[in-house]
Amino acid sequence: MKLVHIATAFFLAVVGFGAAQAQSNDDYLTIQLKDGPVVIQLMPEVAPKHVAQIKKLAAAGEYDNVAFHRVIEGFMAQTGDVQYGDMENGYDAQRAGTGGSNLPDLPAEFSNVPFEKGTVGMARSQDPNSANSQFFIMFAEGGFLNGQYTVVGKVVAGMEYVDKIKRGEGGNGEVTDPDRMIKVTVGRN
C-alpha cells in the first residue's frame, strides 16, 4: 500500500511539473523566419495587456506571412501589420505599416526595461496609447527609446536569423520584396 502512495505522489508531482512547464511555455513566442526559428521570451509582468494581445493575434494565425515592412540597419526590424502586411492575403506595399488589427489600441505600458539588442517593443504612432499589433526587434542598443515605447519581450534564441532579415533601402527603412514571418506560434516550438 505504501508503494501505491509513493507511486501516486510521484505521478502527481510529474503532472504538476508538466502543467508548470506548459504554463511557462505560454510566455514564449516562436517566429519562423526564412533562415530559422526565433524564440522570444514575452514579459507579461512588464506589459500584461500588450503581451495578451500579441498572444491572441499569434494564436489566431494573424501574424503568419506578415512582412517586415520597415527594417533599418543598426536599429530595428518592424513587422506585425496584420491589416496591410499579410503577404498572402491583402498585402499592400504602399500601406504596410499603417494598419493594425481588429482589436483595440492599447494604453502604454512603459517600464524601466532597456532597449538592447534583441529587445522586442511595440510600434505606435505619435500617440503613446496607439500600439495595436505592430512590433519591432532591435538590432542594437536604442537607449533613446527607453521609457517611450512598451517593451514586450526579448529574443532568447535565433537572433542570428533576425540579423539576416532583409534591410530597407528607403530613408525610413521601407523594404522592397520584404522578408516575412512565415509562421508565428505561442510557445517555445
Protein backbone atom coordinates (compact mmCIF):
# COMPACT_ATOMS: atom_id res chain seq x y z
CA MET A 1 0.00 0.00 0.00
CA LYS A 2 2.87 2.35 0.81
CA LEU A 3 4.25 1.72 -2.69
CA VAL A 4 0.90 2.82 -4.19
CA HIS A 5 1.05 6.09 -2.22
CA ILE A 6 4.62 6.73 -3.39
CA ALA A 7 3.68 5.97 -7.00
CA THR A 8 0.62 8.25 -6.75
CA ALA A 9 2.70 11.07 -5.23
CA PHE A 10 5.31 10.67 -7.99
CA PHE A 11 2.60 10.73 -10.67
CA LEU A 12 1.04 13.89 -9.21
CA ALA A 13 4.45 15.55 -9.00
CA VAL A 14 5.17 14.75 -12.67
CA VAL A 15 1.74 16.02 -13.75
CA GLY A 16 2.21 19.20 -11.67
CA PHE A 17 5.66 19.78 -13.17
CA GLY A 18 4.26 19.28 -16.68
CA ALA A 19 1.49 21.80 -16.02
CA ALA A 20 4.01 24.33 -14.72
CA GLN A 21 6.15 23.78 -17.81
CA ALA A 22 3.13 24.22 -20.10
CA GLN A 23 2.18 27.44 -18.33
CA SER A 24 5.69 28.90 -18.59
CA ASN A 25 5.91 27.80 -22.25
CA ASP A 26 2.92 30.09 -22.83
CA ASP A 27 5.18 33.08 -22.19
CA TYR A 28 7.19 32.46 -25.36
CA LEU A 29 6.54 33.31 -28.99
CA THR A 30 8.22 31.42 -31.84
CA ILE A 31 8.60 33.16 -35.19
CA GLN A 32 9.65 31.05 -38.14
CA LEU A 33 11.83 33.11 -40.50
CA LYS A 34 13.31 32.02 -43.83
CA ASP A 35 16.62 31.21 -42.12
CA GLY A 36 15.29 29.58 -38.95
CA PRO A 37 13.19 29.97 -35.80
CA VAL A 38 13.35 32.94 -33.45
CA VAL A 39 12.19 32.45 -29.86
CA ILE A 40 11.00 35.47 -27.89
CA GLN A 41 10.50 35.34 -24.15
CA LEU A 42 7.45 37.51 -23.50
CA MET A 43 7.25 39.74 -20.42
CA PRO A 44 3.67 39.68 -19.11
CA GLU A 45 4.89 41.07 -15.80
CA VAL A 46 6.12 44.19 -17.63
CA ALA A 47 3.36 44.70 -20.24
CA PRO A 48 0.41 42.39 -19.50
CA LYS A 49 -2.09 43.97 -21.92
CA HIS A 50 0.36 44.11 -24.83
CA VAL A 51 1.58 40.54 -24.28
CA ALA A 52 -2.01 39.26 -24.08
CA GLN A 53 -2.86 40.98 -27.38
CA ILE A 54 0.24 39.61 -29.16
CA LYS A 55 -0.55 36.09 -27.92
CA LYS A 56 -4.17 36.40 -29.04
CA LEU A 57 -3.12 37.53 -32.54
CA ALA A 58 -0.44 34.82 -32.82
CA ALA A 59 -2.83 32.07 -31.64
CA ALA A 60 -5.34 33.17 -34.30
CA GLY A 61 -2.67 32.97 -37.05
CA GLU A 62 -2.88 36.71 -37.70
CA TYR A 63 0.90 37.18 -37.81
CA ASP A 64 1.52 34.38 -40.34
CA ASN A 65 3.06 35.69 -43.61
CA VAL A 66 3.26 39.29 -42.33
CA ALA A 67 6.07 41.37 -43.85
CA PHE A 68 8.98 43.07 -42.15
CA HIS A 69 7.91 46.31 -43.84
CA ARG A 70 10.42 48.63 -42.14
CA VAL A 71 13.98 47.47 -41.47
CA ILE A 72 16.78 49.88 -40.60
CA GLU A 73 20.39 48.68 -40.43
CA GLY A 74 21.85 49.16 -36.95
CA PHE A 75 18.43 49.92 -35.48
CA MET A 76 15.48 47.52 -35.81
CA ALA A 77 13.16 45.32 -37.92
CA GLN A 78 9.45 46.21 -37.74
CA THR A 79 6.56 43.88 -38.55
CA GLY A 80 3.09 42.97 -37.34
CA ASP A 81 0.78 44.99 -39.61
CA VAL A 82 -1.87 42.28 -39.89
CA GLN A 83 -4.17 44.59 -41.88
CA TYR A 84 -1.90 45.52 -44.82
CA GLY A 85 1.23 43.42 -44.27
CA ASP A 86 -0.06 39.87 -44.88
CA MET A 87 1.92 38.87 -47.97
CA GLU A 88 -0.56 36.13 -48.87
CA ASN A 89 -3.82 37.91 -48.16
CA GLY A 90 -4.30 41.62 -48.87
CA TYR A 91 -0.68 42.78 -48.90
CA ASP A 92 -0.41 46.46 -49.82
CA ALA A 93 3.20 47.64 -50.06
CA GLN A 94 2.12 51.30 -50.06
CA ARG A 95 0.09 50.94 -46.86
CA ALA A 96 2.10 48.31 -44.96
CA GLY A 97 2.99 49.82 -41.62
CA THR A 98 -0.14 51.98 -41.40
CA GLY A 99 -2.56 49.27 -40.26
CA GLY A 100 -3.25 47.22 -37.19
CA SER A 101 -5.72 44.53 -36.17
CA ASN A 102 -9.42 44.43 -35.37
CA LEU A 103 -8.53 44.54 -31.68
CA PRO A 104 -8.48 47.87 -29.79
CA ASP A 105 -5.38 50.03 -29.43
CA LEU A 106 -3.65 49.65 -26.09
CA PRO A 107 -2.68 52.11 -23.36
CA ALA A 108 1.08 52.49 -22.97
CA GLU A 109 2.81 50.15 -20.52
CA PHE A 110 6.18 51.88 -20.27
CA SER A 111 8.80 50.33 -17.99
CA ASN A 112 12.44 50.55 -16.96
CA VAL A 113 13.39 47.60 -19.21
CA PRO A 114 16.05 48.98 -21.59
CA PHE A 115 16.04 48.69 -25.36
CA GLU A 116 19.06 46.50 -26.16
CA LYS A 117 19.92 44.12 -28.98
CA GLY A 118 17.11 41.55 -29.13
CA THR A 119 14.56 43.62 -27.22
CA VAL A 120 11.05 43.45 -28.68
CA GLY A 121 8.98 46.64 -28.45
CA MET A 122 5.56 47.72 -29.62
CA ALA A 123 5.35 50.13 -32.55
CA ARG A 124 2.92 53.03 -32.24
CA SER A 125 2.03 56.39 -33.75
CA GLN A 126 2.81 59.72 -32.05
CA ASP A 127 0.05 58.84 -29.56
CA PRO A 128 1.66 56.74 -26.78
CA ASN A 129 -1.64 54.85 -26.41
CA SER A 130 -1.87 53.69 -30.03
CA ALA A 131 0.02 50.37 -30.06
CA ASN A 132 -2.04 47.59 -31.59
CA SER A 133 -0.38 44.71 -33.46
CA GLN A 134 2.91 46.02 -34.84
CA PHE A 135 6.18 45.35 -33.06
CA PHE A 136 9.90 45.64 -33.69
CA ILE A 137 13.04 43.71 -32.81
CA MET A 138 16.18 45.67 -32.01
CA PHE A 139 19.40 45.01 -33.95
CA ALA A 140 21.38 47.12 -31.44
CA GLU A 141 21.04 49.19 -28.29
CA GLY A 142 18.50 52.02 -28.56
CA GLY A 143 18.52 53.91 -25.28
CA PHE A 144 16.64 56.84 -26.81
CA LEU A 145 13.53 54.56 -26.85
CA ASN A 146 13.72 53.77 -23.13
CA GLY A 147 10.55 54.78 -21.33
CA GLN A 148 8.99 55.93 -24.63
CA TYR A 149 7.86 52.59 -26.08
CA THR A 150 6.40 49.47 -24.47
CA VAL A 151 8.79 46.52 -24.11
CA VAL A 152 7.03 43.17 -24.56
CA GLY A 153 9.90 40.67 -24.71
CA LYS A 154 13.43 39.66 -25.58
CA VAL A 155 14.87 37.30 -28.20
CA VAL A 156 16.34 34.30 -26.35
CA ALA A 157 17.18 32.13 -29.38
CA GLY A 158 17.65 32.77 -33.10
CA MET A 159 18.99 36.33 -33.03
CA GLU A 160 21.36 35.26 -35.81
CA TYR A 161 18.25 34.78 -38.00
CA VAL A 162 16.87 38.21 -37.06
CA ASP A 163 20.22 39.69 -38.11
CA LYS A 164 19.66 38.22 -41.61
CA ILE A 165 16.31 39.99 -42.22
CA LYS A 166 16.44 41.99 -45.47
CA ARG A 167 17.18 45.67 -44.82
CA GLY A 168 15.20 48.56 -46.27
CA GLU A 169 16.60 50.87 -48.89
CA GLY A 170 14.43 53.93 -48.26
CA GLY A 171 15.11 56.72 -45.82
CA ASN A 172 12.52 55.31 -43.43
CA GLY A 173 13.65 51.71 -43.89
CA GLU A 174 10.97 50.75 -46.42
CA VAL A 175 11.70 47.30 -47.83
CA THR A 176 11.09 46.20 -51.42
CA ASP A 177 10.18 42.49 -51.62
CA PRO A 178 10.46 42.15 -47.82
CA ASP A 179 11.13 39.11 -45.68
CA ARG A 180 8.17 37.84 -43.68
CA MET A 181 7.22 36.00 -40.54
CA ILE A 182 6.34 32.65 -42.12
CA LYS A 183 4.57 31.25 -39.06
CA VAL A 184 4.13 32.68 -35.54
CA THR A 185 3.06 30.48 -32.65
CA VAL A 186 2.63 30.87 -28.91
CA GLY A 187 5.13 28.68 -27.09
CA ARG A 188 8.70 27.63 -27.49
CA ASN A 189 8.35 25.50 -30.61
